[in-house]
Amino acid sequence: MSGLDEGVALREAVPEALEPTPPARKPQNGNNQFGLRQKVVTYVVLAPLAILFLAPFAWLISASFQPMGEIFSSVPHWIPKDPTLEGYKGFLNVGHLTTFQQGQGHGDWRWFANSAFVAVSITVLQTFFNSLCAYCFAKRRFPGRNAIFLLFLATMMVPGQVTLIPDYLIVQHIPFFGGNDWLGNGGHGWLDSYWGLIMPGIVSAFGIFLLRQYMLSIPDQLLEAARIDGAGEFRIFRSVVLPLCLPALAANAIFTFQGAWEDFFWPLIIMSSPDKITAPVGLALFVVQNRTSWTLLFAGSVIATLPMIIVFIVFQRKFVQGIALTGIKG
């Protein structure tokens, strides 16, 4: 008997009960119900938290359309009874910000132009230099690399108030700026200038850490292949690493822009010219004891908040992706 005939005979001799049967499918109703319960619990927990965080901003928008008497009524009104645009008209009077408090202060669109220029400059420069430093710490090997990186991380534990006076003195004594000599004496350096607002913020330890963690997930084989093809280090950084780090770069850019746009303390300290102050400092000029222009302040606060909301909405997907993938490796 041939081998084929033996196989047929053996298959016929095996009882049907011994033949393997396909596994029975488990009912999916239980899984569906569990997933539905999980979603319900998630929304029940997150919805009140979302309302809690959005309520102040919602009331700010509502108050910006309310007259003064309605804003300070005993019962707050979430929906204006008599909506008015007087606050916005006063804040944006004939193409420039209104004169207020009987000549005590004057501002114009330069407040927002200054904030936009400073925030965009810091965001671009910091994203570039942070990515360069992160590439060196993640993909380059040199003596003391880990020790230097730990020093960078240690600076994140130092409060900004501790370094405020040293930063001020360094900015004041920058050589060859603001009338200073080559030793940094005789003038005011970068005080009351855009240099003083931008240059101290072009590098961030947190941004370097964020981008380094993301770059660790990039395979080294890609970089080696580029080196074999004759690419230099900067070309590898520009053509290979940066395109793969777009989510992390977007997250770093959003954090940086938000911090630079909202910064109040540093511009308040180093700036003295009214035409160079930024929007947060300019809005503070409306707050005067017993004579605060609340309608103008609320309208200006809404306008000052819009750029951050627009930036977050535009880069939201990249931002979430960058935060989610940053800690994959390392």
C-alpha atoms as a PDB file:
ATOM      1  CA  MET A   1       0.000   0.000   0.000  1.00  0.00           C
ATOM      2  CA  SER A   2       1.346   3.385  -0.959  1.00  0.00           C
ATOM      3  CA  GLY A   3       1.858   6.200   1.518  1.00  0.00           C
ATOM      4  CA  LEU A   4      -1.118   8.095   0.087  1.00  0.00           C
ATOM      5  CA  ASP A   5      -3.437   5.116   0.541  1.00  0.00           C
ATOM      6  CA  GLU A   6      -2.237   4.612   4.132  1.00  0.00           C
ATOM      7  CA  GLY A   7      -3.017   8.283   4.950  1.00  0.00           C
ATOM      8  CA  VAL A   8      -6.533   7.977   3.510  1.00  0.00           C
ATOM      9  CA  ALA A   9      -7.199   4.760   5.428  1.00  0.00           C
ATOM     10  CA  LEU A  10      -5.919   6.260   8.683  1.00  0.00           C
ATOM     11  CA  ARG A  11      -8.089   9.360   8.266  1.00  0.00           C
ATOM     12  CA  GLU A  12     -11.149   7.183   7.727  1.00  0.00           C
ATOM     13  CA  ALA A  13     -10.352   5.134  10.832  1.00  0.00           C
ATOM     14  CA  VAL A  14     -10.236   8.188  13.115  1.00  0.00           C
ATOM     15  CA  PRO A  15     -13.648   8.873  14.706  1.00  0.00           C
ATOM     16  CA  GLU A  16     -15.258  12.167  13.925  1.00  0.00           C
ATOM     17  CA  ALA A  17     -15.342  12.979  17.644  1.00  0.00           C
ATOM     18  CA  LEU A  18     -11.548  13.093  17.711  1.00  0.00           C
ATOM     19  CA  GLU A  19     -11.300  15.529  14.824  1.00  0.00           C
ATOM     20  CA  PRO A  20     -10.382  19.075  15.909  1.00  0.00           C
ATOM     21  CA  THR A  21     -13.309  21.415  16.001  1.00  0.00           C
ATOM     22  CA  PRO A  22     -13.029  25.165  15.509  1.00  0.00           C
ATOM     23  CA  PRO A  23     -13.165  27.142  18.771  1.00  0.00           C
ATOM     24  CA  ALA A  24     -16.550  28.573  19.562  1.00  0.00           C
ATOM     25  CA  ARG A  25     -16.814  32.340  19.410  1.00  0.00           C
ATOM     26  CA  LYS A  26     -17.401  34.032  22.712  1.00  0.00           C
ATOM     27  CA  PRO A  27     -20.379  36.320  22.870  1.00  0.00           C
ATOM     28  CA  GLN A  28     -19.408  39.961  22.384  1.00  0.00           C
ATOM     29  CA  ASN A  29     -22.261  41.416  24.387  1.00  0.00           C
ATOM     30  CA  GLY A  30     -20.261  41.363  27.616  1.00  0.00           C
ATOM     31  CA  ASN A  31     -17.317  43.205  26.071  1.00  0.00           C
ATOM     32  CA  ASN A  32     -19.579  45.773  24.474  1.00  0.00           C
ATOM     33  CA  GLN A  33     -21.358  46.428  27.749  1.00  0.00           C
ATOM     34  CA  PHE A  34     -18.043  46.767  29.596  1.00  0.00           C
ATOM     35  CA  GLY A  35     -16.760  49.231  26.992  1.00  0.00           C
ATOM     36  CA  LEU A  36     -19.994  51.222  27.221  1.00  0.00           C
ATOM     37  CA  ARG A  37     -19.770  51.378  31.018  1.00  0.00           C
ATOM     38  CA  GLN A  38     -16.157  52.492  30.810  1.00  0.00           C
ATOM     39  CA  LYS A  39     -17.046  55.330  28.431  1.00  0.00           C
ATOM     40  CA  VAL A  40     -19.944  56.431  30.624  1.00  0.00           C
ATOM     41  CA  VAL A  41     -17.734  56.524  33.729  1.00  0.00           C
ATOM     42  CA  THR A  42     -15.047  58.417  31.822  1.00  0.00           C
ATOM     43  CA  TYR A  43     -17.463  61.091  30.639  1.00  0.00           C
ATOM     44  CA  VAL A  44     -19.118  61.343  34.068  1.00  0.00           C
ATOM     45  CA  VAL A  45     -15.728  62.040  35.666  1.00  0.00           C
ATOM     46  CA  LEU A  46     -14.268  64.294  32.948  1.00  0.00           C
ATOM     47  CA  ALA A  47     -17.360  66.398  32.215  1.00  0.00           C
ATOM     48  CA  PRO A  48     -17.446  68.154  35.632  1.00  0.00           C
ATOM     49  CA  LEU A  49     -13.685  68.739  35.468  1.00  0.00           C
ATOM     50  CA  ALA A  50     -14.003  70.258  31.992  1.00  0.00           C
ATOM     51  CA  ILE A  51     -16.817  72.526  33.195  1.00  0.00           C
ATOM     52  CA  LEU A  52     -14.724  73.536  36.221  1.00  0.00           C
ATOM     53  CA  PHE A  53     -11.755  74.566  34.066  1.00  0.00           C
ATOM     54  CA  LEU A  54     -13.819  76.270  31.353  1.00  0.00           C
ATOM     55  CA  ALA A  55     -16.121  78.194  33.681  1.00  0.00           C
ATOM     56  CA  PRO A  56     -13.718  81.120  34.425  1.00  0.00           C
ATOM     57  CA  PHE A  57     -12.963  81.672  30.752  1.00  0.00           C
ATOM     58  CA  ALA A  58     -16.657  81.402  29.852  1.00  0.00           C
ATOM     59  CA  TRP A  59     -17.520  84.030  32.460  1.00  0.00           C
ATOM     60  CA  LEU A  60     -14.686  86.278  31.175  1.00  0.00           C
ATOM     61  CA  ILE A  61     -16.174  86.195  27.674  1.00  0.00           C
ATOM     62  CA  SER A  62     -19.649  86.875  29.049  1.00  0.00           C
ATOM     63  CA  ALA A  63     -18.423  89.747  31.252  1.00  0.00           C
ATOM     64  CA  SER A  64     -16.666  91.384  28.320  1.00  0.00           C
ATOM     65  CA  PHE A  65     -20.105  91.966  26.759  1.00  0.00           C
ATOM     66  CA  GLN A  66     -21.763  93.213  29.960  1.00  0.00           C
ATOM     67  CA  PRO A  67     -22.058  96.802  31.207  1.00  0.00           C
ATOM     68  CA  MET A  68     -20.306  97.711  34.440  1.00  0.00           C
ATOM     69  CA  GLY A  69     -23.435  97.524  36.602  1.00  0.00           C
ATOM     70  CA  GLU A  70     -24.273  94.038  35.385  1.00  0.00           C
ATOM     71  CA  ILE A  71     -20.747  92.706  35.944  1.00  0.00           C
ATOM     72  CA  PHE A  72     -20.810  93.480  39.669  1.00  0.00           C
ATOM     73  CA  SER A  73     -24.414  92.547  40.331  1.00  0.00           C
ATOM     74  CA  SER A  74     -25.103  90.369  43.368  1.00  0.00           C
ATOM     75  CA  VAL A  75     -26.078  87.440  41.136  1.00  0.00           C
ATOM     76  CA  PRO A  76     -23.560  86.711  38.346  1.00  0.00           C
ATOM     77  CA  HIS A  77     -25.014  86.560  34.852  1.00  0.00           C
ATOM     78  CA  TRP A  78     -23.596  83.915  32.541  1.00  0.00           C
ATOM     79  CA  ILE A  79     -25.628  85.291  29.643  1.00  0.00           C
ATOM     80  CA  PRO A  80     -25.620  89.109  29.318  1.00  0.00           C
ATOM     81  CA  LYS A  81     -29.046  90.669  29.705  1.00  0.00           C
ATOM     82  CA  ASP A  82     -28.088  93.780  27.755  1.00  0.00           C
ATOM     83  CA  PRO A  83     -25.040  92.798  25.660  1.00  0.00           C
ATOM     84  CA  THR A  84     -22.806  95.678  24.665  1.00  0.00           C
ATOM     85  CA  LEU A  85     -19.616  96.155  22.673  1.00  0.00           C
ATOM     86  CA  GLU A  86     -18.510  99.235  24.579  1.00  0.00           C
ATOM     87  CA  GLY A  87     -15.581  97.398  26.147  1.00  0.00           C
ATOM     88  CA  TYR A  88     -14.243  96.267  22.772  1.00  0.00           C
ATOM     89  CA  LYS A  89     -14.940  99.644  21.178  1.00  0.00           C
ATOM     90  CA  GLY A  90     -13.058 101.382  23.953  1.00  0.00           C
ATOM     91  CA  PHE A  91     -10.197  98.924  23.818  1.00  0.00           C
ATOM     92  CA  LEU A  92      -9.936  99.101  20.010  1.00  0.00           C
ATOM     93  CA  ASN A  93     -10.790 102.767  19.621  1.00  0.00           C
ATOM     94  CA  VAL A  94     -10.121 104.023  16.056  1.00  0.00           C
ATOM     95  CA  GLY A  95      -7.449 101.475  15.297  1.00  0.00           C
ATOM     96  CA  HIS A  96      -5.482 101.889  18.504  1.00  0.00           C
ATOM     97  CA  LEU A  97      -5.970 101.237  22.167  1.00  0.00           C
ATOM     98  CA  THR A  98      -7.882 103.881  24.010  1.00  0.00           C
ATOM     99  CA  THR A  99      -6.418 106.487  26.325  1.00  0.00           C
ATOM    100  CA  PHE A 100      -7.545 105.584  29.820  1.00  0.00           C
ATOM    101  CA  GLN A 101      -7.583 106.710  33.396  1.00  0.00           C
ATOM    102  CA  GLN A 102      -7.427 110.417  32.495  1.00  0.00           C
ATOM    103  CA  GLY A 103      -4.064 110.301  30.814  1.00  0.00           C
ATOM    104  CA  GLN A 104      -2.356 107.996  33.297  1.00  0.00           C
ATOM    105  CA  GLY A 105      -1.530 105.502  30.617  1.00  0.00           C
ATOM    106  CA  HIS A 106      -1.648 105.115  26.875  1.00  0.00           C
ATOM    107  CA  GLY A 107      -1.193 102.074  24.735  1.00  0.00           C
ATOM    108  CA  ASP A 108      -1.678 101.041  21.141  1.00  0.00           C
ATOM    109  CA  TRP A 109      -1.421  97.966  18.943  1.00  0.00           C
ATOM    110  CA  ARG A 110       2.284  97.801  19.720  1.00  0.00           C
ATOM    111  CA  TRP A 111       1.398  95.918  22.908  1.00  0.00           C
ATOM    112  CA  PHE A 112       0.177  92.970  20.876  1.00  0.00           C
ATOM    113  CA  ALA A 113       2.775  93.488  18.155  1.00  0.00           C
ATOM    114  CA  ASN A 114       5.510  93.371  20.788  1.00  0.00           C
ATOM    115  CA  SER A 115       4.068  90.234  22.367  1.00  0.00           C
ATOM    116  CA  ALA A 116       3.728  88.551  18.973  1.00  0.00           C
ATOM    117  CA  PHE A 117       7.274  89.479  17.930  1.00  0.00           C
ATOM    118  CA  VAL A 118       8.819  88.347  21.213  1.00  0.00           C
ATOM    119  CA  ALA A 119       6.774  85.134  21.486  1.00  0.00           C
ATOM    120  CA  VAL A 120       7.390  84.062  17.878  1.00  0.00           C
ATOM    121  CA  SER A 121      11.114  84.880  18.105  1.00  0.00           C
ATOM    122  CA  ILE A 122      11.546  82.919  21.329  1.00  0.00           C
ATOM    123  CA  THR A 123       9.533  79.995  19.943  1.00  0.00           C
ATOM    124  CA  VAL A 124      11.566  79.737  16.726  1.00  0.00           C
ATOM    125  CA  LEU A 125      14.955  80.163  18.391  1.00  0.00           C
ATOM    126  CA  GLN A 126      14.196  77.894  21.317  1.00  0.00           C
ATOM    127  CA  THR A 127      12.813  75.136  19.104  1.00  0.00           C
ATOM    128  CA  PHE A 128      15.963  75.264  16.962  1.00  0.00           C
ATOM    129  CA  PHE A 129      18.513  75.346  19.795  1.00  0.00           C
ATOM    130  CA  ASN A 130      16.606  72.859  21.943  1.00  0.00           C
ATOM    131  CA  SER A 131      16.518  70.377  19.075  1.00  0.00           C
ATOM    132  CA  LEU A 132      20.244  70.838  18.431  1.00  0.00           C
ATOM    133  CA  CYS A 133      21.092  70.190  22.081  1.00  0.00           C
ATOM    134  CA  ALA A 134      18.687  67.264  22.252  1.00  0.00           C
ATOM    135  CA  TYR A 135      20.276  65.695  19.170  1.00  0.00           C
ATOM    136  CA  CYS A 136      23.717  65.912  20.764  1.00  0.00           C
ATOM    137  CA  PHE A 137      22.519  64.342  24.015  1.00  0.00           C
ATOM    138  CA  ALA A 138      20.511  61.618  22.267  1.00  0.00           C
ATOM    139  CA  LYS A 139      22.618  60.602  19.258  1.00  0.00           C
ATOM    140  CA  ARG A 140      26.160  61.940  19.775  1.00  0.00           C
ATOM    141  CA  ARG A 141      28.716  60.443  22.133  1.00  0.00           C
ATOM    142  CA  PHE A 142      31.232  62.664  23.919  1.00  0.00           C
ATOM    143  CA  PRO A 143      32.918  62.675  27.339  1.00  0.00           C
ATOM    144  CA  GLY A 144      30.682  63.824  30.152  1.00  0.00           C
ATOM    145  CA  ARG A 145      27.476  63.628  28.123  1.00  0.00           C
ATOM    146  CA  ASN A 146      25.351  62.120  30.873  1.00  0.00           C
ATOM    147  CA  ALA A 147      26.810  64.380  33.579  1.00  0.00           C
ATOM    148  CA  ILE A 148      26.080  67.510  31.541  1.00  0.00           C
ATOM    149  CA  PHE A 149      22.558  66.313  30.843  1.00  0.00           C
ATOM    150  CA  LEU A 150      21.974  65.762  34.565  1.00  0.00           C
ATOM    151  CA  LEU A 151      23.124  69.334  35.190  1.00  0.00           C
ATOM    152  CA  PHE A 152      20.543  70.513  32.665  1.00  0.00           C
ATOM    153  CA  LEU A 153      17.850  68.571  34.479  1.00  0.00           C
ATOM    154  CA  ALA A 154      19.011  69.973  37.822  1.00  0.00           C
ATOM    155  CA  THR A 155      18.351  73.519  36.610  1.00  0.00           C
ATOM    156  CA  MET A 156      14.657  72.617  36.331  1.00  0.00           C
ATOM    157  CA  MET A 157      14.552  72.269  40.122  1.00  0.00           C
ATOM    158  CA  VAL A 158      15.720  75.857  40.718  1.00  0.00           C
ATOM    159  CA  PRO A 159      12.839  78.370  40.998  1.00  0.00           C
ATOM    160  CA  GLY A 160      12.952  81.269  38.566  1.00  0.00           C
ATOM    161  CA  GLN A 161      12.863  83.770  41.421  1.00  0.00           C
ATOM    162  CA  VAL A 162      16.290  82.537  42.575  1.00  0.00           C
ATOM    163  CA  THR A 163      17.947  83.360  39.244  1.00  0.00           C
ATOM    164  CA  LEU A 164      16.057  86.619  38.695  1.00  0.00           C
ATOM    165  CA  ILE A 165      18.749  88.962  40.071  1.00  0.00           C
ATOM    166  CA  PRO A 166      21.671  87.143  38.331  1.00  0.00           C
ATOM    167  CA  ASP A 167      19.747  87.229  35.047  1.00  0.00           C
ATOM    168  CA  TYR A 168      19.075  90.948  35.476  1.00  0.00           C
ATOM    169  CA  LEU A 169      22.755  91.700  36.158  1.00  0.00           C
ATOM    170  CA  ILE A 170      23.908  89.631  33.180  1.00  0.00           C
ATOM    171  CA  VAL A 171      21.487  91.403  30.855  1.00  0.00           C
ATOM    172  CA  GLN A 172      22.557  94.778  32.238  1.00  0.00           C
ATOM    173  CA  HIS A 173      26.281  94.162  31.683  1.00  0.00           C
ATOM    174  CA  ILE A 174      26.262  92.709  28.162  1.00  0.00           C
ATOM    175  CA  PRO A 175      29.329  94.193  26.386  1.00  0.00           C
ATOM    176  CA  PHE A 176      28.937  96.576  23.437  1.00  0.00           C
ATOM    177  CA  PHE A 177      25.169  97.016  23.930  1.00  0.00           C
ATOM    178  CA  GLY A 178      23.284  99.925  25.439  1.00  0.00           C
ATOM    179  CA  GLY A 179      26.390 102.057  25.866  1.00  0.00           C
ATOM    180  CA  ASN A 180      28.463  99.383  27.598  1.00  0.00           C
ATOM    181  CA  ASP A 181      32.171  99.028  26.959  1.00  0.00           C
ATOM    182  CA  TRP A 182      33.920  95.743  26.278  1.00  0.00           C
ATOM    183  CA  LEU A 183      33.819  94.982  30.013  1.00  0.00           C
ATOM    184  CA  GLY A 184      30.059  95.540  30.172  1.00  0.00           C
ATOM    185  CA  ASN A 185      30.218  98.810  32.147  1.00  0.00           C
ATOM    186  CA  GLY A 186      28.953 102.301  31.493  1.00  0.00           C
ATOM    187  CA  GLY A 187      25.487 101.610  30.050  1.00  0.00           C
ATOM    188  CA  HIS A 188      22.331  99.588  30.472  1.00  0.00           C
ATOM    189  CA  GLY A 189      23.095  96.652  28.175  1.00  0.00           C
ATOM    190  CA  TRP A 190      20.009  94.774  27.042  1.00  0.00           C
ATOM    191  CA  LEU A 191      17.692  96.438  29.554  1.00  0.00           C
ATOM    192  CA  ASP A 192      14.674  98.097  27.951  1.00  0.00           C
ATOM    193  CA  SER A 193      15.290  96.316  24.632  1.00  0.00           C
ATOM    194  CA  TYR A 194      13.912  93.380  22.681  1.00  0.00           C
ATOM    195  CA  TRP A 195      17.264  91.635  23.113  1.00  0.00           C
ATOM    196  CA  GLY A 196      16.657  91.452  26.835  1.00  0.00           C
ATOM    197  CA  LEU A 197      13.214  89.929  26.314  1.00  0.00           C
ATOM    198  CA  ILE A 198      14.242  87.338  23.731  1.00  0.00           C
ATOM    199  CA  MET A 199      17.787  86.145  24.418  1.00  0.00           C
ATOM    200  CA  PRO A 200      17.319  84.781  27.984  1.00  0.00           C
ATOM    201  CA  GLY A 201      14.585  82.458  26.700  1.00  0.00           C
ATOM    202  CA  ILE A 202      16.197  80.881  23.628  1.00  0.00           C
ATOM    203  CA  VAL A 203      17.111  77.647  25.486  1.00  0.00           C
ATOM    204  CA  SER A 204      14.973  75.586  27.852  1.00  0.00           C
ATOM    205  CA  ALA A 205      16.052  72.600  29.936  1.00  0.00           C
ATOM    206  CA  PHE A 206      12.534  71.168  29.762  1.00  0.00           C
ATOM    207  CA  GLY A 207      12.456  71.507  25.969  1.00  0.00           C
ATOM    208  CA  ILE A 208      15.820  69.755  25.655  1.00  0.00           C
ATOM    209  CA  PHE A 209      14.611  66.932  27.882  1.00  0.00           C
ATOM    210  CA  LEU A 210      11.349  66.592  25.933  1.00  0.00           C
ATOM    211  CA  LEU A 211      13.063  66.419  22.535  1.00  0.00           C
ATOM    212  CA  ARG A 212      15.879  64.159  23.740  1.00  0.00           C
ATOM    213  CA  GLN A 213      13.409  61.575  25.009  1.00  0.00           C
ATOM    214  CA  TYR A 214      11.672  61.599  21.650  1.00  0.00           C
ATOM    215  CA  MET A 215      14.912  61.357  19.651  1.00  0.00           C
ATOM    216  CA  LEU A 216      15.964  58.289  21.622  1.00  0.00           C
ATOM    217  CA  SER A 217      13.161  56.399  19.868  1.00  0.00           C
ATOM    218  CA  ILE A 218      14.683  57.081  16.419  1.00  0.00           C
ATOM    219  CA  PRO A 219      16.664  53.995  15.234  1.00  0.00           C
ATOM    220  CA  ASP A 220      20.401  54.564  15.018  1.00  0.00           C
ATOM    221  CA  GLN A 221      20.443  52.546  11.772  1.00  0.00           C
ATOM    222  CA  LEU A 222      18.809  55.462   9.960  1.00  0.00           C
ATOM    223  CA  LEU A 223      21.609  57.792  11.015  1.00  0.00           C
ATOM    224  CA  GLU A 224      24.287  55.243  10.104  1.00  0.00           C
ATOM    225  CA  ALA A 225      22.755  54.787   6.667  1.00  0.00           C
ATOM    226  CA  ALA A 226      22.855  58.542   6.130  1.00  0.00           C
ATOM    227  CA  ARG A 227      26.521  58.661   7.195  1.00  0.00           C
ATOM    228  CA  ILE A 228      27.363  55.862   4.769  1.00  0.00           C
ATOM    229  CA  ASP A 229      25.750  57.935   2.017  1.00  0.00           C
ATOM    230  CA  GLY A 230      28.094  60.787   2.885  1.00  0.00           C
ATOM    231  CA  ALA A 231      25.754  63.058   4.829  1.00  0.00           C
ATOM    232  CA  GLY A 232      27.282  65.317   7.457  1.00  0.00           C
ATOM    233  CA  GLU A 233      25.967  65.633  10.996  1.00  0.00           C
ATOM    234  CA  PHE A 234      24.011  68.817  10.386  1.00  0.00           C
ATOM    235  CA  ARG A 235      22.432  67.375   7.260  1.00  0.00           C
ATOM    236  CA  ILE A 236      21.464  64.241   9.204  1.00  0.00           C
ATOM    237  CA  PHE A 237      19.958  66.463  11.871  1.00  0.00           C
ATOM    238  CA  ARG A 238      18.074  68.561   9.321  1.00  0.00           C
ATOM    239  CA  SER A 239      16.962  65.895   6.825  1.00  0.00           C
ATOM    240  CA  VAL A 240      16.532  62.781   8.974  1.00  0.00           C
ATOM    241  CA  VAL A 241      15.982  63.686  12.615  1.00  0.00           C
ATOM    242  CA  LEU A 242      13.861  66.830  12.414  1.00  0.00           C
ATOM    243  CA  PRO A 243      11.201  65.384  10.043  1.00  0.00           C
ATOM    244  CA  LEU A 244      10.755  62.446  12.429  1.00  0.00           C
ATOM    245  CA  CYS A 245      10.423  64.762  15.448  1.00  0.00           C
ATOM    246  CA  LEU A 246       7.586  66.976  14.206  1.00  0.00           C
ATOM    247  CA  PRO A 247       5.142  65.925  16.974  1.00  0.00           C
ATOM    248  CA  ALA A 248       7.688  66.668  19.714  1.00  0.00           C
ATOM    249  CA  LEU A 249       8.714  69.920  18.028  1.00  0.00           C
ATOM    250  CA  ALA A 250       5.060  70.989  17.909  1.00  0.00           C
ATOM    251  CA  ALA A 251       4.635  70.224  21.616  1.00  0.00           C
ATOM    252  CA  ASN A 252       7.782  72.193  22.455  1.00  0.00           C
ATOM    253  CA  ALA A 253       6.646  75.107  20.287  1.00  0.00           C
ATOM    254  CA  ILE A 254       3.217  75.282  21.954  1.00  0.00           C
ATOM    255  CA  PHE A 255       4.696  75.233  25.458  1.00  0.00           C
ATOM    256  CA  THR A 256       7.246  77.888  24.492  1.00  0.00           C
ATOM    257  CA  PHE A 257       4.772  80.199  22.756  1.00  0.00           C
ATOM    258  CA  GLN A 258       2.333  79.987  25.649  1.00  0.00           C
ATOM    259  CA  GLY A 259       5.025  80.783  28.209  1.00  0.00           C
ATOM    260  CA  ALA A 260       6.460  83.680  26.189  1.00  0.00           C
ATOM    261  CA  TRP A 261       3.046  85.194  25.422  1.00  0.00           C
ATOM    262  CA  GLU A 262       1.887  85.042  29.048  1.00  0.00           C
ATOM    263  CA  ASP A 263       5.178  86.179  30.609  1.00  0.00           C
ATOM    264  CA  PHE A 264       4.532  89.161  32.848  1.00  0.00           C
ATOM    265  CA  PHE A 265       7.227  89.414  35.510  1.00  0.00           C
ATOM    266  CA  TRP A 266      10.360  89.577  33.337  1.00  0.00           C
ATOM    267  CA  PRO A 267       9.048  92.230  30.876  1.00  0.00           C
ATOM    268  CA  LEU A 268       7.746  94.238  33.836  1.00  0.00           C
ATOM    269  CA  ILE A 269      11.223  94.326  35.394  1.00  0.00           C
ATOM    270  CA  ILE A 270      13.452  95.096  32.417  1.00  0.00           C
ATOM    271  CA  MET A 271      11.184  97.244  30.225  1.00  0.00           C
ATOM    272  CA  SER A 272      10.620 100.939  30.924  1.00  0.00           C
ATOM    273  CA  SER A 273       9.592 102.388  27.530  1.00  0.00           C
ATOM    274  CA  PRO A 274       5.783 102.432  27.046  1.00  0.00           C
ATOM    275  CA  ASP A 275       6.141 101.583  23.347  1.00  0.00           C
ATOM    276  CA  LYS A 276       8.069  98.368  24.105  1.00  0.00           C
ATOM    277  CA  ILE A 277       5.908  96.745  26.764  1.00  0.00           C
ATOM    278  CA  THR A 278       4.071  93.519  26.003  1.00  0.00           C
ATOM    279  CA  ALA A 279       0.343  92.773  26.221  1.00  0.00           C
ATOM    280  CA  PRO A 280       0.289  91.291  29.779  1.00  0.00           C
ATOM    281  CA  VAL A 281       2.106  94.351  31.158  1.00  0.00           C
ATOM    282  CA  GLY A 282      -0.121  96.675  29.120  1.00  0.00           C
ATOM    283  CA  LEU A 283      -3.285  95.039  30.439  1.00  0.00           C
ATOM    284  CA  ALA A 284      -2.016  95.506  33.991  1.00  0.00           C
ATOM    285  CA  LEU A 285      -2.029  99.267  33.387  1.00  0.00           C
ATOM    286  CA  PHE A 286      -5.830  99.151  33.375  1.00  0.00           C
ATOM    287  CA  VAL A 287      -5.812  97.901  36.967  1.00  0.00           C
ATOM    288  CA  VAL A 288      -5.670 101.046  39.129  1.00  0.00           C
ATOM    289  CA  GLN A 289      -6.951 101.143  42.694  1.00  0.00           C
ATOM    290  CA  ASN A 290     -10.568 102.401  42.862  1.00  0.00           C
ATOM    291  CA  ARG A 291     -10.484 103.317  39.157  1.00  0.00           C
ATOM    292  CA  THR A 292      -9.982 100.029  37.349  1.00  0.00           C
ATOM    293  CA  SER A 293     -11.452  99.978  33.828  1.00  0.00           C
ATOM    294  CA  TRP A 294     -13.027  96.550  34.122  1.00  0.00           C
ATOM    295  CA  THR A 295     -14.875  96.607  30.811  1.00  0.00           C
ATOM    296  CA  LEU A 296     -11.684  97.457  28.922  1.00  0.00           C
ATOM    297  CA  LEU A 297      -9.688  94.958  30.956  1.00  0.00           C
ATOM    298  CA  PHE A 298     -12.082  92.080  30.244  1.00  0.00           C
ATOM    299  CA  ALA A 299     -12.247  92.901  26.532  1.00  0.00           C
ATOM    300  CA  GLY A 300      -8.467  93.130  26.310  1.00  0.00           C
ATOM    301  CA  SER A 301      -8.048  89.860  28.217  1.00  0.00           C
ATOM    302  CA  VAL A 302     -10.308  88.048  25.744  1.00  0.00           C
ATOM    303  CA  ILE A 303      -8.346  89.446  22.798  1.00  0.00           C
ATOM    304  CA  ALA A 304      -5.023  88.553  24.440  1.00  0.00           C
ATOM    305  CA  THR A 305      -6.183  84.966  24.996  1.00  0.00           C
ATOM    306  CA  LEU A 306      -7.206  84.321  21.392  1.00  0.00           C
ATOM    307  CA  PRO A 307      -3.667  83.746  19.964  1.00  0.00           C
ATOM    308  CA  MET A 308      -2.956  80.932  22.438  1.00  0.00           C
ATOM    309  CA  ILE A 309      -6.280  79.262  21.676  1.00  0.00           C
ATOM    310  CA  ILE A 310      -5.669  79.493  17.923  1.00  0.00           C
ATOM    311  CA  VAL A 311      -2.137  78.074  18.234  1.00  0.00           C
ATOM    312  CA  PHE A 312      -3.351  75.147  20.331  1.00  0.00           C
ATOM    313  CA  ILE A 313      -6.243  74.346  17.978  1.00  0.00           C
ATOM    314  CA  VAL A 314      -3.983  74.419  14.910  1.00  0.00           C
ATOM    315  CA  PHE A 315      -1.290  72.186  16.440  1.00  0.00           C
ATOM    316  CA  GLN A 316      -3.502  70.109  18.714  1.00  0.00           C
ATOM    317  CA  ARG A 317      -2.976  66.758  16.992  1.00  0.00           C
ATOM    318  CA  LYS A 318       0.788  67.135  16.813  1.00  0.00           C
ATOM    319  CA  PHE A 319       0.850  68.340  20.411  1.00  0.00           C
ATOM    320  CA  VAL A 320      -1.032  65.307  21.757  1.00  0.00           C
ATOM    321  CA  GLN A 321       1.009  62.935  19.589  1.00  0.00           C
ATOM    322  CA  GLY A 322       4.278  64.456  20.772  1.00  0.00           C
ATOM    323  CA  ILE A 323       3.345  64.178  24.456  1.00  0.00           C
ATOM    324  CA  ALA A 324       2.104  60.590  24.012  1.00  0.00           C
ATOM    325  CA  LEU A 325       5.217  59.350  22.225  1.00  0.00           C
ATOM    326  CA  THR A 326       7.902  61.236  24.127  1.00  0.00           C
ATOM    327  CA  GLY A 327       8.490  58.576  26.765  1.00  0.00           C
ATOM    328  CA  ILE A 328       8.635  55.526  24.457  1.00  0.00           C
ATOM    329  CA  LYS A 329      12.328  54.946  25.016  1.00  0.00           C
ATOM    330  CA  GLY A 330      15.021  56.054  27.402  1.00  0.00           C
END
